[in-house]
Amino acid sequence: MKTNRPLSFFTIPLFAVVAAAVTQPAIGRPPAPFPPNGRPLAPFPRYRDQERAWRDIRKAEETAYRLSFLATQASIARASDLTSLGNRLLSDARGLYEAGKYFQAAETALAAKNVYEAAQNLYEGQLGYVVGPRGLTRSYYDAPYRVSEELYRADAIVAYYSSNDSTVSNLLRYARELATPSTSPTASILSASAPNLSIMTNNRAAIRLAKAATHLVRAANGF
């Protein structure tokens, strides 16, 4: 005699199904930190900061990987120094992330990324080509005309917060050494030839270093 048997899915308690769904890790997101001292997990706004920090650290790591290839193609002392500085900042960002200081971790990672990009710009200027599928973007052409504004902005932020951090000071010093501001467009700068590419990349590197200094000031002040 044939009997109707209920589907096994419906024999599972509803609360078990919901619990299993909730405990599944979110794809593409960093795992929530395990409380080291039994504290409850951070609320949602804190988790958003954690996700941002994780994302910025990954971007810095990707830039470092790209930079490692360029370092095999040319030898530039300043670019090598900046790479070492970027490595130190990235290590600091990871440590801050592990300590649960997500805002500081994100800002420090952004500083590292900008330092890496400045080193990349120096390599590009010497090698005579720009890394990436988009080639010479507007940011390269605009760099000689924007560099003074970026340096002024960074100097103002450092002065306002009375920052005496030696890394911040060195970043701004490097930026001034690389900057060659222009006030009016000229055909020589806008040409894509290697010597003039160097002018654009040096100024772009100066902008990146100024931004890195600003991110470090933000990390130190927590906002």
N, C-alpha and C. Protein backbone atom coordinates (compact mmCIF):
# COMPACT_ATOMS: atom_id res chain seq x y z
N MET A 1 0.84 -1.20 0.00
CA MET A 1 0.00 0.00 0.00
C MET A 1 0.88 1.25 0.00
N LYS A 2 0.64 2.17 -0.88
CA LYS A 2 1.47 3.37 -1.02
C LYS A 2 1.02 4.44 -0.03
N THR A 3 1.96 4.98 0.68
CA THR A 3 1.66 6.03 1.66
C THR A 3 2.36 7.31 1.26
N ASN A 4 1.75 8.42 1.59
CA ASN A 4 2.36 9.73 1.32
C ASN A 4 3.33 10.07 2.45
N ARG A 5 4.58 10.32 2.06
CA ARG A 5 5.60 10.67 3.06
C ARG A 5 5.93 12.14 2.92
N PRO A 6 6.02 12.89 3.97
CA PRO A 6 6.34 14.32 3.88
C PRO A 6 7.76 14.53 3.37
N LEU A 7 7.96 15.59 2.63
CA LEU A 7 9.30 15.94 2.17
C LEU A 7 10.21 16.21 3.37
N SER A 8 11.46 15.71 3.27
CA SER A 8 12.37 15.83 4.42
C SER A 8 12.68 17.28 4.75
N PHE A 9 12.62 18.19 3.75
CA PHE A 9 12.94 19.61 4.01
C PHE A 9 12.02 20.19 5.06
N PHE A 10 10.72 19.79 4.95
CA PHE A 10 9.74 20.38 5.86
C PHE A 10 9.79 19.78 7.25
N THR A 11 10.59 18.71 7.42
CA THR A 11 10.75 18.13 8.76
C THR A 11 11.82 18.84 9.56
N ILE A 12 12.59 19.74 8.89
CA ILE A 12 13.65 20.49 9.58
C ILE A 12 13.02 21.69 10.25
N PRO A 13 13.29 21.91 11.52
CA PRO A 13 12.71 23.08 12.20
C PRO A 13 13.11 24.37 11.51
N LEU A 14 12.19 25.30 11.44
CA LEU A 14 12.43 26.56 10.75
C LEU A 14 13.59 27.32 11.37
N PHE A 15 13.70 27.28 12.71
CA PHE A 15 14.77 28.05 13.35
C PHE A 15 16.15 27.52 12.95
N ALA A 16 16.25 26.22 12.63
CA ALA A 16 17.54 25.66 12.22
C ALA A 16 17.93 26.15 10.85
N VAL A 17 16.93 26.27 9.94
CA VAL A 17 17.22 26.79 8.60
C VAL A 17 17.70 28.22 8.67
N VAL A 18 17.00 29.04 9.48
CA VAL A 18 17.37 30.45 9.60
C VAL A 18 18.75 30.59 10.22
N ALA A 19 19.03 29.79 11.24
CA ALA A 19 20.34 29.88 11.91
C ALA A 19 21.46 29.51 10.96
N ALA A 20 21.24 28.50 10.12
CA ALA A 20 22.27 28.09 9.18
C ALA A 20 22.54 29.18 8.16
N ALA A 21 21.48 29.87 7.72
CA ALA A 21 21.65 30.94 6.73
C ALA A 21 22.39 32.12 7.33
N VAL A 22 22.08 32.45 8.59
CA VAL A 22 22.70 33.62 9.21
C VAL A 22 24.18 33.41 9.46
N THR A 23 24.56 32.15 9.77
CA THR A 23 25.96 31.88 10.12
C THR A 23 26.85 31.70 8.92
N GLN A 24 26.29 31.68 7.71
CA GLN A 24 27.13 31.56 6.52
C GLN A 24 27.93 32.84 6.31
N PRO A 25 29.25 32.76 6.02
CA PRO A 25 30.05 33.97 5.83
C PRO A 25 29.63 34.73 4.59
N ALA A 26 29.68 36.06 4.65
CA ALA A 26 29.34 36.89 3.49
C ALA A 26 30.45 36.80 2.46
N ILE A 27 30.08 36.49 1.23
CA ILE A 27 31.07 36.34 0.17
C ILE A 27 31.67 37.70 -0.15
N GLY A 28 33.01 37.74 -0.25
CA GLY A 28 33.69 38.96 -0.62
C GLY A 28 33.87 39.94 0.52
N ARG A 29 33.49 39.56 1.75
CA ARG A 29 33.67 40.46 2.88
C ARG A 29 34.66 39.85 3.86
N PRO A 30 35.39 40.68 4.59
CA PRO A 30 36.31 40.13 5.60
C PRO A 30 35.51 39.53 6.74
N PRO A 31 36.02 38.50 7.36
CA PRO A 31 35.29 37.91 8.48
C PRO A 31 35.26 38.86 9.67
N ALA A 32 34.19 38.77 10.44
CA ALA A 32 34.11 39.58 11.65
C ALA A 32 35.18 39.13 12.62
N PRO A 33 35.84 40.06 13.31
CA PRO A 33 36.94 39.68 14.21
C PRO A 33 36.42 38.91 15.41
N PHE A 34 37.19 37.94 15.85
CA PHE A 34 36.82 37.21 17.06
C PHE A 34 37.20 38.06 18.27
N PRO A 35 36.26 38.30 19.19
CA PRO A 35 36.57 39.15 20.34
C PRO A 35 37.72 38.58 21.16
N PRO A 36 38.86 39.27 21.29
CA PRO A 36 40.01 38.71 21.99
C PRO A 36 39.80 38.59 23.49
N ASN A 37 38.93 39.37 24.05
CA ASN A 37 38.76 39.34 25.50
C ASN A 37 37.29 39.16 25.90
N GLY A 38 36.52 38.50 25.05
CA GLY A 38 35.15 38.22 25.38
C GLY A 38 34.19 39.37 25.17
N ARG A 39 34.66 40.49 24.59
CA ARG A 39 33.77 41.61 24.33
C ARG A 39 32.79 41.25 23.23
N PRO A 40 31.59 41.83 23.22
CA PRO A 40 30.65 41.56 22.12
C PRO A 40 31.18 42.12 20.82
N LEU A 41 30.72 41.54 19.72
CA LEU A 41 31.16 42.01 18.41
C LEU A 41 30.75 43.46 18.20
N ALA A 42 31.54 44.17 17.37
CA ALA A 42 31.27 45.59 17.13
C ALA A 42 29.94 45.76 16.41
N PRO A 43 29.24 46.87 16.65
CA PRO A 43 27.99 47.14 15.94
C PRO A 43 28.24 47.42 14.47
N PHE A 44 27.16 47.54 13.71
CA PHE A 44 27.27 47.67 12.25
C PHE A 44 28.16 48.81 11.79
N PRO A 45 28.04 50.05 12.33
CA PRO A 45 28.91 51.12 11.85
C PRO A 45 30.40 50.78 11.99
N ARG A 46 30.76 50.08 13.05
CA ARG A 46 32.15 49.68 13.23
C ARG A 46 32.53 48.65 12.16
N TYR A 47 31.61 47.74 11.85
CA TYR A 47 31.90 46.75 10.83
C TYR A 47 32.10 47.40 9.48
N ARG A 48 31.36 48.46 9.17
CA ARG A 48 31.54 49.18 7.91
C ARG A 48 32.96 49.74 7.83
N ASP A 49 33.48 50.28 8.95
CA ASP A 49 34.86 50.76 8.98
C ASP A 49 35.84 49.61 8.76
N GLN A 50 35.52 48.45 9.31
CA GLN A 50 36.38 47.29 9.13
C GLN A 50 36.45 46.88 7.67
N GLU A 51 35.28 46.86 7.02
CA GLU A 51 35.24 46.49 5.60
C GLU A 51 36.03 47.48 4.75
N ARG A 52 35.89 48.76 5.06
CA ARG A 52 36.63 49.78 4.31
C ARG A 52 38.13 49.59 4.50
N ALA A 53 38.56 49.33 5.74
CA ALA A 53 39.99 49.14 6.01
C ALA A 53 40.52 47.92 5.26
N TRP A 54 39.75 46.83 5.29
CA TRP A 54 40.16 45.62 4.57
C TRP A 54 40.31 45.91 3.08
N ARG A 55 39.36 46.65 2.51
CA ARG A 55 39.40 46.98 1.09
C ARG A 55 40.61 47.85 0.75
N ASP A 56 40.90 48.85 1.58
CA ASP A 56 42.03 49.75 1.30
C ASP A 56 43.37 49.04 1.45
N ILE A 57 43.44 48.11 2.39
CA ILE A 57 44.67 47.32 2.53
C ILE A 57 44.88 46.47 1.30
N ARG A 58 43.81 45.85 0.78
CA ARG A 58 43.93 45.05 -0.42
C ARG A 58 44.38 45.89 -1.62
N LYS A 59 43.87 47.11 -1.75
CA LYS A 59 44.28 47.98 -2.85
C LYS A 59 45.76 48.33 -2.75
N ALA A 60 46.22 48.59 -1.54
CA ALA A 60 47.64 48.88 -1.35
C ALA A 60 48.49 47.68 -1.72
N GLU A 61 48.03 46.49 -1.37
CA GLU A 61 48.77 45.27 -1.71
C GLU A 61 48.84 45.07 -3.22
N GLU A 62 47.74 45.35 -3.91
CA GLU A 62 47.72 45.22 -5.37
C GLU A 62 48.69 46.21 -6.02
N THR A 63 48.75 47.42 -5.48
CA THR A 63 49.67 48.42 -6.02
C THR A 63 51.11 48.00 -5.77
N ALA A 64 51.38 47.43 -4.61
CA ALA A 64 52.73 46.96 -4.29
C ALA A 64 53.14 45.85 -5.25
N TYR A 65 52.21 44.98 -5.58
CA TYR A 65 52.52 43.89 -6.52
C TYR A 65 52.87 44.45 -7.90
N ARG A 66 52.11 45.42 -8.35
CA ARG A 66 52.39 46.05 -9.65
C ARG A 66 53.74 46.74 -9.63
N LEU A 67 54.06 47.36 -8.51
CA LEU A 67 55.32 48.08 -8.38
C LEU A 67 56.51 47.13 -8.41
N SER A 68 56.34 45.93 -7.87
CA SER A 68 57.45 44.97 -7.84
C SER A 68 57.89 44.60 -9.26
N PHE A 69 56.96 44.61 -10.21
CA PHE A 69 57.34 44.34 -11.60
C PHE A 69 58.17 45.48 -12.16
N LEU A 70 57.76 46.72 -11.92
CA LEU A 70 58.50 47.87 -12.44
C LEU A 70 59.91 47.92 -11.86
N ALA A 71 60.06 47.50 -10.62
CA ALA A 71 61.38 47.55 -9.97
C ALA A 71 62.38 46.63 -10.65
N THR A 72 61.88 45.62 -11.39
CA THR A 72 62.79 44.75 -12.13
C THR A 72 63.21 45.35 -13.47
N GLN A 73 62.53 46.43 -13.89
CA GLN A 73 62.80 47.04 -15.19
C GLN A 73 63.74 48.24 -15.10
N ALA A 74 63.84 48.84 -13.93
CA ALA A 74 64.67 50.05 -13.78
C ALA A 74 65.14 50.15 -12.34
N SER A 75 66.17 50.96 -12.15
CA SER A 75 66.72 51.18 -10.81
C SER A 75 66.72 52.67 -10.51
N ILE A 76 65.89 53.07 -9.54
CA ILE A 76 65.80 54.48 -9.15
C ILE A 76 65.86 54.52 -7.63
N ALA A 77 66.86 55.21 -7.10
CA ALA A 77 67.07 55.22 -5.66
C ALA A 77 65.85 55.76 -4.91
N ARG A 78 65.30 56.88 -5.37
CA ARG A 78 64.16 57.47 -4.68
C ARG A 78 62.94 56.55 -4.74
N ALA A 79 62.72 55.91 -5.88
CA ALA A 79 61.60 54.98 -5.99
C ALA A 79 61.78 53.80 -5.04
N SER A 80 63.02 53.33 -4.91
CA SER A 80 63.30 52.24 -3.98
C SER A 80 63.04 52.66 -2.54
N ASP A 81 63.44 53.89 -2.20
CA ASP A 81 63.19 54.41 -0.85
C ASP A 81 61.69 54.51 -0.58
N LEU A 82 60.95 54.99 -1.56
CA LEU A 82 59.51 55.12 -1.39
C LEU A 82 58.84 53.75 -1.26
N THR A 83 59.35 52.77 -2.00
CA THR A 83 58.80 51.42 -1.88
C THR A 83 59.00 50.88 -0.47
N SER A 84 60.18 51.11 0.09
CA SER A 84 60.44 50.66 1.46
C SER A 84 59.51 51.36 2.45
N LEU A 85 59.30 52.65 2.25
CA LEU A 85 58.39 53.40 3.11
C LEU A 85 56.96 52.86 2.96
N GLY A 86 56.55 52.60 1.74
CA GLY A 86 55.22 52.04 1.51
C GLY A 86 55.06 50.70 2.21
N ASN A 87 56.10 49.87 2.16
CA ASN A 87 56.05 48.58 2.84
C ASN A 87 55.86 48.75 4.35
N ARG A 88 56.55 49.72 4.91
CA ARG A 88 56.42 49.96 6.35
C ARG A 88 55.02 50.44 6.69
N LEU A 89 54.48 51.35 5.88
CA LEU A 89 53.13 51.85 6.14
C LEU A 89 52.08 50.75 5.98
N LEU A 90 52.27 49.89 4.99
CA LEU A 90 51.34 48.79 4.80
C LEU A 90 51.38 47.83 5.99
N SER A 91 52.58 47.57 6.49
CA SER A 91 52.71 46.74 7.68
C SER A 91 52.01 47.38 8.87
N ASP A 92 52.16 48.69 9.01
CA ASP A 92 51.47 49.41 10.10
C ASP A 92 49.96 49.29 9.94
N ALA A 93 49.48 49.41 8.69
CA ALA A 93 48.04 49.32 8.44
C ALA A 93 47.50 47.95 8.84
N ARG A 94 48.24 46.91 8.52
CA ARG A 94 47.81 45.56 8.90
C ARG A 94 47.75 45.41 10.42
N GLY A 95 48.78 45.97 11.10
CA GLY A 95 48.78 45.89 12.56
C GLY A 95 47.61 46.63 13.18
N LEU A 96 47.29 47.80 12.63
CA LEU A 96 46.15 48.57 13.13
C LEU A 96 44.84 47.82 12.88
N TYR A 97 44.76 47.15 11.74
CA TYR A 97 43.56 46.37 11.44
C TYR A 97 43.39 45.24 12.45
N GLU A 98 44.47 44.53 12.73
CA GLU A 98 44.40 43.44 13.70
C GLU A 98 44.04 43.94 15.09
N ALA A 99 44.43 45.18 15.39
CA ALA A 99 44.12 45.76 16.70
C ALA A 99 42.71 46.32 16.76
N GLY A 100 41.98 46.27 15.66
CA GLY A 100 40.61 46.78 15.64
C GLY A 100 40.51 48.27 15.43
N LYS A 101 41.62 48.92 15.05
CA LYS A 101 41.61 50.37 14.80
C LYS A 101 41.40 50.58 13.30
N TYR A 102 40.15 50.42 12.88
CA TYR A 102 39.88 50.31 11.46
C TYR A 102 40.01 51.64 10.71
N PHE A 103 39.63 52.74 11.32
CA PHE A 103 39.77 54.02 10.63
C PHE A 103 41.26 54.32 10.40
N GLN A 104 42.06 54.17 11.45
CA GLN A 104 43.49 54.41 11.31
C GLN A 104 44.12 53.45 10.30
N ALA A 105 43.65 52.20 10.30
CA ALA A 105 44.17 51.21 9.36
C ALA A 105 43.87 51.63 7.92
N ALA A 106 42.64 52.10 7.68
CA ALA A 106 42.26 52.50 6.33
C ALA A 106 43.08 53.69 5.86
N GLU A 107 43.23 54.70 6.71
CA GLU A 107 43.98 55.89 6.32
C GLU A 107 45.46 55.57 6.11
N THR A 108 46.01 54.71 6.94
CA THR A 108 47.42 54.32 6.78
C THR A 108 47.61 53.51 5.50
N ALA A 109 46.63 52.64 5.19
CA ALA A 109 46.71 51.88 3.94
C ALA A 109 46.63 52.80 2.73
N LEU A 110 45.78 53.83 2.80
CA LEU A 110 45.70 54.80 1.70
C LEU A 110 47.01 55.57 1.56
N ALA A 111 47.65 55.87 2.68
CA ALA A 111 48.96 56.53 2.61
C ALA A 111 49.96 55.62 1.91
N ALA A 112 49.95 54.34 2.27
CA ALA A 112 50.86 53.37 1.64
C ALA A 112 50.59 53.28 0.14
N LYS A 113 49.32 53.21 -0.23
CA LYS A 113 48.96 53.12 -1.65
C LYS A 113 49.46 54.34 -2.43
N ASN A 114 49.30 55.52 -1.87
CA ASN A 114 49.76 56.73 -2.55
C ASN A 114 51.28 56.77 -2.66
N VAL A 115 51.96 56.29 -1.64
CA VAL A 115 53.43 56.24 -1.70
C VAL A 115 53.87 55.25 -2.78
N TYR A 116 53.23 54.10 -2.83
CA TYR A 116 53.54 53.13 -3.90
C TYR A 116 53.29 53.74 -5.28
N GLU A 117 52.19 54.46 -5.43
CA GLU A 117 51.87 55.06 -6.73
C GLU A 117 52.88 56.14 -7.10
N ALA A 118 53.38 56.87 -6.11
CA ALA A 118 54.42 57.85 -6.39
C ALA A 118 55.68 57.16 -6.91
N ALA A 119 56.06 56.04 -6.29
CA ALA A 119 57.21 55.28 -6.79
C ALA A 119 56.95 54.77 -8.20
N GLN A 120 55.72 54.31 -8.44
CA GLN A 120 55.36 53.85 -9.78
C GLN A 120 55.52 54.96 -10.80
N ASN A 121 55.08 56.16 -10.46
CA ASN A 121 55.22 57.30 -11.37
C ASN A 121 56.68 57.57 -11.72
N LEU A 122 57.57 57.44 -10.73
CA LEU A 122 58.99 57.67 -11.00
C LEU A 122 59.53 56.62 -11.97
N TYR A 123 59.11 55.38 -11.79
CA TYR A 123 59.54 54.34 -12.73
C TYR A 123 58.98 54.61 -14.13
N GLU A 124 57.73 55.03 -14.20
CA GLU A 124 57.12 55.32 -15.50
C GLU A 124 57.88 56.42 -16.23
N GLY A 125 58.28 57.45 -15.48
CA GLY A 125 59.01 58.55 -16.10
C GLY A 125 60.32 58.11 -16.70
N GLN A 126 61.00 57.19 -16.02
CA GLN A 126 62.29 56.72 -16.54
C GLN A 126 62.11 55.71 -17.67
N LEU A 127 61.12 54.83 -17.55
CA LEU A 127 60.91 53.80 -18.57
C LEU A 127 60.26 54.35 -19.83
N GLY A 128 59.53 55.47 -19.71
CA GLY A 128 58.92 56.09 -20.88
C GLY A 128 57.56 55.55 -21.25
N TYR A 129 56.91 54.86 -20.34
CA TYR A 129 55.55 54.40 -20.61
C TYR A 129 54.78 54.35 -19.30
N VAL A 130 53.46 54.40 -19.44
CA VAL A 130 52.57 54.42 -18.29
C VAL A 130 51.97 53.03 -18.10
N VAL A 131 51.96 52.57 -16.87
CA VAL A 131 51.41 51.26 -16.56
C VAL A 131 49.89 51.34 -16.51
N GLY A 132 49.23 50.34 -17.06
CA GLY A 132 47.77 50.30 -16.99
C GLY A 132 47.15 50.39 -18.36
N PRO A 133 45.95 49.85 -18.52
CA PRO A 133 45.30 49.80 -19.84
C PRO A 133 44.83 51.15 -20.35
N ARG A 134 44.65 52.13 -19.46
CA ARG A 134 44.11 53.42 -19.89
C ARG A 134 45.19 54.38 -20.38
N GLY A 135 46.45 54.04 -20.17
CA GLY A 135 47.53 54.88 -20.66
C GLY A 135 47.58 56.22 -19.94
N LEU A 136 47.92 57.26 -20.70
CA LEU A 136 48.04 58.60 -20.13
C LEU A 136 46.65 59.17 -19.85
N THR A 137 46.26 59.16 -18.63
CA THR A 137 44.97 59.72 -18.24
C THR A 137 45.11 61.22 -17.97
N ARG A 138 44.00 61.84 -17.74
CA ARG A 138 44.00 63.29 -17.51
C ARG A 138 44.80 63.67 -16.27
N SER A 139 44.86 62.77 -15.29
CA SER A 139 45.59 63.09 -14.06
C SER A 139 47.07 63.34 -14.33
N TYR A 140 47.63 62.72 -15.38
CA TYR A 140 49.02 62.97 -15.74
C TYR A 140 49.17 64.36 -16.36
N TYR A 141 48.28 64.68 -17.29
CA TYR A 141 48.36 65.98 -17.96
C TYR A 141 48.10 67.13 -16.99
N ASP A 142 47.20 66.90 -16.03
CA ASP A 142 46.84 67.96 -15.08
C ASP A 142 47.86 68.14 -13.96
N ALA A 143 48.71 67.15 -13.75
CA ALA A 143 49.59 67.16 -12.58
C ALA A 143 50.44 68.42 -12.44
N PRO A 144 51.08 68.93 -13.53
CA PRO A 144 51.90 70.14 -13.36
C PRO A 144 51.09 71.36 -12.92
N TYR A 145 49.78 71.35 -13.18
CA TYR A 145 48.95 72.50 -12.85
C TYR A 145 48.24 72.34 -11.51
N ARG A 146 48.20 71.11 -11.00
CA ARG A 146 47.53 70.85 -9.73
C ARG A 146 48.49 70.71 -8.56
N VAL A 147 49.77 70.52 -8.84
CA VAL A 147 50.71 70.16 -7.78
C VAL A 147 50.83 71.25 -6.72
N SER A 148 50.83 72.51 -7.12
CA SER A 148 50.96 73.60 -6.14
C SER A 148 49.76 73.61 -5.19
N GLU A 149 48.57 73.41 -5.74
CA GLU A 149 47.36 73.39 -4.92
C GLU A 149 47.41 72.24 -3.90
N GLU A 150 47.85 71.07 -4.35
CA GLU A 150 47.90 69.92 -3.46
C GLU A 150 48.94 70.11 -2.35
N LEU A 151 50.07 70.69 -2.69
CA LEU A 151 51.10 70.95 -1.68
C LEU A 151 50.62 71.99 -0.68
N TYR A 152 49.96 73.02 -1.17
CA TYR A 152 49.43 74.04 -0.27
C TYR A 152 48.40 73.44 0.68
N ARG A 153 47.53 72.61 0.15
CA ARG A 153 46.49 71.97 0.97
C ARG A 153 47.12 71.08 2.04
N ALA A 154 48.10 70.28 1.66
CA ALA A 154 48.76 69.40 2.63
C ALA A 154 49.48 70.21 3.70
N ASP A 155 50.18 71.27 3.30
CA ASP A 155 50.86 72.13 4.27
C ASP A 155 49.86 72.73 5.26
N ALA A 156 48.71 73.15 4.76
CA ALA A 156 47.69 73.77 5.63
C ALA A 156 47.15 72.76 6.64
N ILE A 157 46.92 71.52 6.20
CA ILE A 157 46.41 70.49 7.10
C ILE A 157 47.44 70.15 8.17
N VAL A 158 48.69 70.02 7.77
CA VAL A 158 49.75 69.71 8.74
C VAL A 158 49.88 70.83 9.76
N ALA A 159 49.82 72.08 9.29
CA ALA A 159 49.93 73.22 10.21
C ALA A 159 48.73 73.29 11.14
N TYR A 160 47.54 73.03 10.62
CA TYR A 160 46.33 73.14 11.44
C TYR A 160 46.34 72.13 12.58
N TYR A 161 46.78 70.91 12.28
CA TYR A 161 46.79 69.87 13.31
C TYR A 161 48.13 69.79 14.05
N SER A 162 49.03 70.74 13.76
CA SER A 162 50.33 70.81 14.45
C SER A 162 51.05 69.47 14.40
N SER A 163 51.04 68.86 13.23
CA SER A 163 51.69 67.56 13.08
C SER A 163 53.21 67.74 13.02
N ASN A 164 53.90 66.97 13.86
CA ASN A 164 55.36 66.98 13.82
C ASN A 164 55.92 65.59 13.51
N ASP A 165 55.10 64.79 12.85
CA ASP A 165 55.51 63.43 12.48
C ASP A 165 56.61 63.50 11.43
N SER A 166 57.70 62.79 11.66
CA SER A 166 58.85 62.86 10.74
C SER A 166 58.52 62.26 9.38
N THR A 167 57.67 61.23 9.34
CA THR A 167 57.30 60.64 8.06
C THR A 167 56.50 61.62 7.23
N VAL A 168 55.59 62.33 7.86
CA VAL A 168 54.80 63.35 7.16
C VAL A 168 55.73 64.43 6.60
N SER A 169 56.67 64.88 7.42
CA SER A 169 57.62 65.92 6.98
C SER A 169 58.45 65.44 5.80
N ASN A 170 58.91 64.20 5.86
CA ASN A 170 59.72 63.67 4.76
C ASN A 170 58.91 63.53 3.47
N LEU A 171 57.66 63.12 3.61
CA LEU A 171 56.82 62.99 2.42
C LEU A 171 56.64 64.34 1.73
N LEU A 172 56.40 65.38 2.51
CA LEU A 172 56.23 66.70 1.92
C LEU A 172 57.54 67.23 1.35
N ARG A 173 58.65 66.90 1.98
CA ARG A 173 59.95 67.32 1.44
C ARG A 173 60.21 66.64 0.10
N TYR A 174 59.95 65.34 0.02
CA TYR A 174 60.11 64.64 -1.25
C TYR A 174 59.19 65.24 -2.32
N ALA A 175 57.97 65.57 -1.92
CA ALA A 175 57.02 66.14 -2.88
C ALA A 175 57.53 67.45 -3.45
N ARG A 176 58.06 68.30 -2.61
CA ARG A 176 58.58 69.59 -3.09
C ARG A 176 59.78 69.40 -4.02
N GLU A 177 60.59 68.41 -3.73
CA GLU A 177 61.76 68.15 -4.59
C GLU A 177 61.34 67.68 -5.98
N LEU A 178 60.22 66.97 -6.07
CA LEU A 178 59.77 66.44 -7.36
C LEU A 178 58.91 67.43 -8.14
N ALA A 179 58.30 68.37 -7.44
CA ALA A 179 57.33 69.27 -8.08
C ALA A 179 58.00 70.30 -8.96
N THR A 180 57.45 70.48 -10.16
CA THR A 180 57.85 71.56 -11.06
C THR A 180 56.56 72.18 -11.58
N PRO A 181 55.95 73.05 -10.80
CA PRO A 181 54.61 73.58 -11.16
C PRO A 181 54.63 74.37 -12.45
N SER A 182 53.50 74.33 -13.16
CA SER A 182 53.28 75.14 -14.35
C SER A 182 51.99 75.91 -14.17
N THR A 183 51.95 77.09 -14.74
CA THR A 183 50.75 77.93 -14.62
C THR A 183 50.02 78.08 -15.94
N SER A 184 50.66 77.72 -17.05
CA SER A 184 50.00 77.84 -18.35
C SER A 184 50.38 76.64 -19.21
N PRO A 185 49.44 76.10 -19.96
CA PRO A 185 49.74 74.93 -20.80
C PRO A 185 50.79 75.25 -21.85
N THR A 186 51.65 74.29 -22.08
CA THR A 186 52.65 74.42 -23.14
C THR A 186 52.70 73.12 -23.92
N ALA A 187 53.06 73.22 -25.17
CA ALA A 187 53.10 72.02 -26.00
C ALA A 187 54.17 71.06 -25.50
N SER A 188 55.26 71.58 -24.91
CA SER A 188 56.34 70.69 -24.48
C SER A 188 55.89 69.78 -23.35
N ILE A 189 55.09 70.32 -22.41
CA ILE A 189 54.63 69.50 -21.29
C ILE A 189 53.57 68.51 -21.75
N LEU A 190 52.67 68.92 -22.61
CA LEU A 190 51.58 68.07 -23.02
C LEU A 190 51.98 67.03 -24.06
N SER A 191 53.19 67.10 -24.53
CA SER A 191 53.67 66.06 -25.44
C SER A 191 53.83 64.76 -24.69
N ALA A 192 53.64 63.63 -25.35
CA ALA A 192 53.75 62.32 -24.71
C ALA A 192 55.14 61.73 -24.87
N SER A 193 56.12 62.50 -25.31
CA SER A 193 57.47 61.98 -25.46
C SER A 193 58.06 61.70 -24.08
N ALA A 194 59.09 60.88 -24.03
CA ALA A 194 59.64 60.41 -22.76
C ALA A 194 60.12 61.54 -21.84
N PRO A 195 60.91 62.53 -22.34
CA PRO A 195 61.37 63.58 -21.42
C PRO A 195 60.21 64.35 -20.79
N ASN A 196 59.17 64.66 -21.55
CA ASN A 196 58.06 65.41 -21.02
C ASN A 196 57.12 64.53 -20.19
N LEU A 197 57.11 63.24 -20.50
CA LEU A 197 56.39 62.31 -19.64
C LEU A 197 56.99 62.34 -18.25
N SER A 198 58.29 62.50 -18.17
CA SER A 198 58.96 62.57 -16.87
C SER A 198 58.48 63.77 -16.07
N ILE A 199 58.24 64.90 -16.74
CA ILE A 199 57.72 66.07 -16.05
C ILE A 199 56.35 65.77 -15.45
N MET A 200 55.51 65.12 -16.25
CA MET A 200 54.17 64.80 -15.77
C MET A 200 54.21 63.79 -14.63
N THR A 201 55.03 62.76 -14.77
CA THR A 201 55.07 61.72 -13.74
C THR A 201 55.68 62.23 -12.44
N ASN A 202 56.68 63.10 -12.53
CA ASN A 202 57.27 63.66 -11.31
C ASN A 202 56.25 64.50 -10.54
N ASN A 203 55.50 65.30 -11.27
CA ASN A 203 54.48 66.12 -10.60
C ASN A 203 53.35 65.25 -10.05
N ARG A 204 53.00 64.21 -10.77
CA ARG A 204 51.97 63.30 -10.27
C ARG A 204 52.46 62.58 -9.02
N ALA A 205 53.74 62.22 -9.00
CA ALA A 205 54.32 61.60 -7.81
C ALA A 205 54.27 62.56 -6.63
N ALA A 206 54.56 63.84 -6.89
CA ALA A 206 54.51 64.84 -5.82
C ALA A 206 53.11 64.95 -5.25
N ILE A 207 52.11 64.91 -6.11
CA ILE A 207 50.71 64.96 -5.65
C ILE A 207 50.39 63.75 -4.78
N ARG A 208 50.83 62.59 -5.20
CA ARG A 208 50.57 61.37 -4.44
C ARG A 208 51.24 61.43 -3.06
N LEU A 209 52.42 61.97 -3.00
CA LEU A 209 53.12 62.07 -1.71
C LEU A 209 52.42 63.06 -0.79
N ALA A 210 51.93 64.16 -1.36
CA ALA A 210 51.17 65.13 -0.55
C ALA A 210 49.90 64.48 -0.01
N LYS A 211 49.23 63.68 -0.82
CA LYS A 211 48.03 62.99 -0.36
C LYS A 211 48.37 61.98 0.72
N ALA A 212 49.48 61.29 0.56
CA ALA A 212 49.90 60.32 1.57
C ALA A 212 50.13 61.00 2.91
N ALA A 213 50.76 62.17 2.88
CA ALA A 213 50.98 62.92 4.12
C ALA A 213 49.66 63.28 4.77
N THR A 214 48.68 63.70 3.97
CA THR A 214 47.37 64.06 4.50
C THR A 214 46.68 62.86 5.15
N HIS A 215 46.78 61.70 4.52
CA HIS A 215 46.17 60.50 5.10
C HIS A 215 46.82 60.13 6.43
N LEU A 216 48.12 60.32 6.55
CA LEU A 216 48.78 60.01 7.81
C LEU A 216 48.34 60.97 8.93
N VAL A 217 48.14 62.22 8.57
CA VAL A 217 47.65 63.18 9.56
C VAL A 217 46.24 62.78 10.01
N ARG A 218 45.41 62.37 9.08
CA ARG A 218 44.06 61.91 9.43
C ARG A 218 44.11 60.68 10.32
N ALA A 219 45.02 59.76 10.01
CA ALA A 219 45.14 58.56 10.83
C ALA A 219 45.56 58.90 12.26
N ALA A 220 46.47 59.85 12.38
CA ALA A 220 46.96 60.22 13.72
C ALA A 220 45.90 60.91 14.54
N ASN A 221 45.00 61.64 13.87
CA ASN A 221 43.98 62.40 14.60
C ASN A 221 42.65 61.66 14.71
N GLY A 222 42.50 60.57 13.98
CA GLY A 222 41.30 59.76 14.12
C GLY A 222 40.07 60.27 13.40
N PHE A 223 40.24 61.25 12.50
CA PHE A 223 39.09 61.76 11.72
C PHE A 223 39.60 62.49 10.49
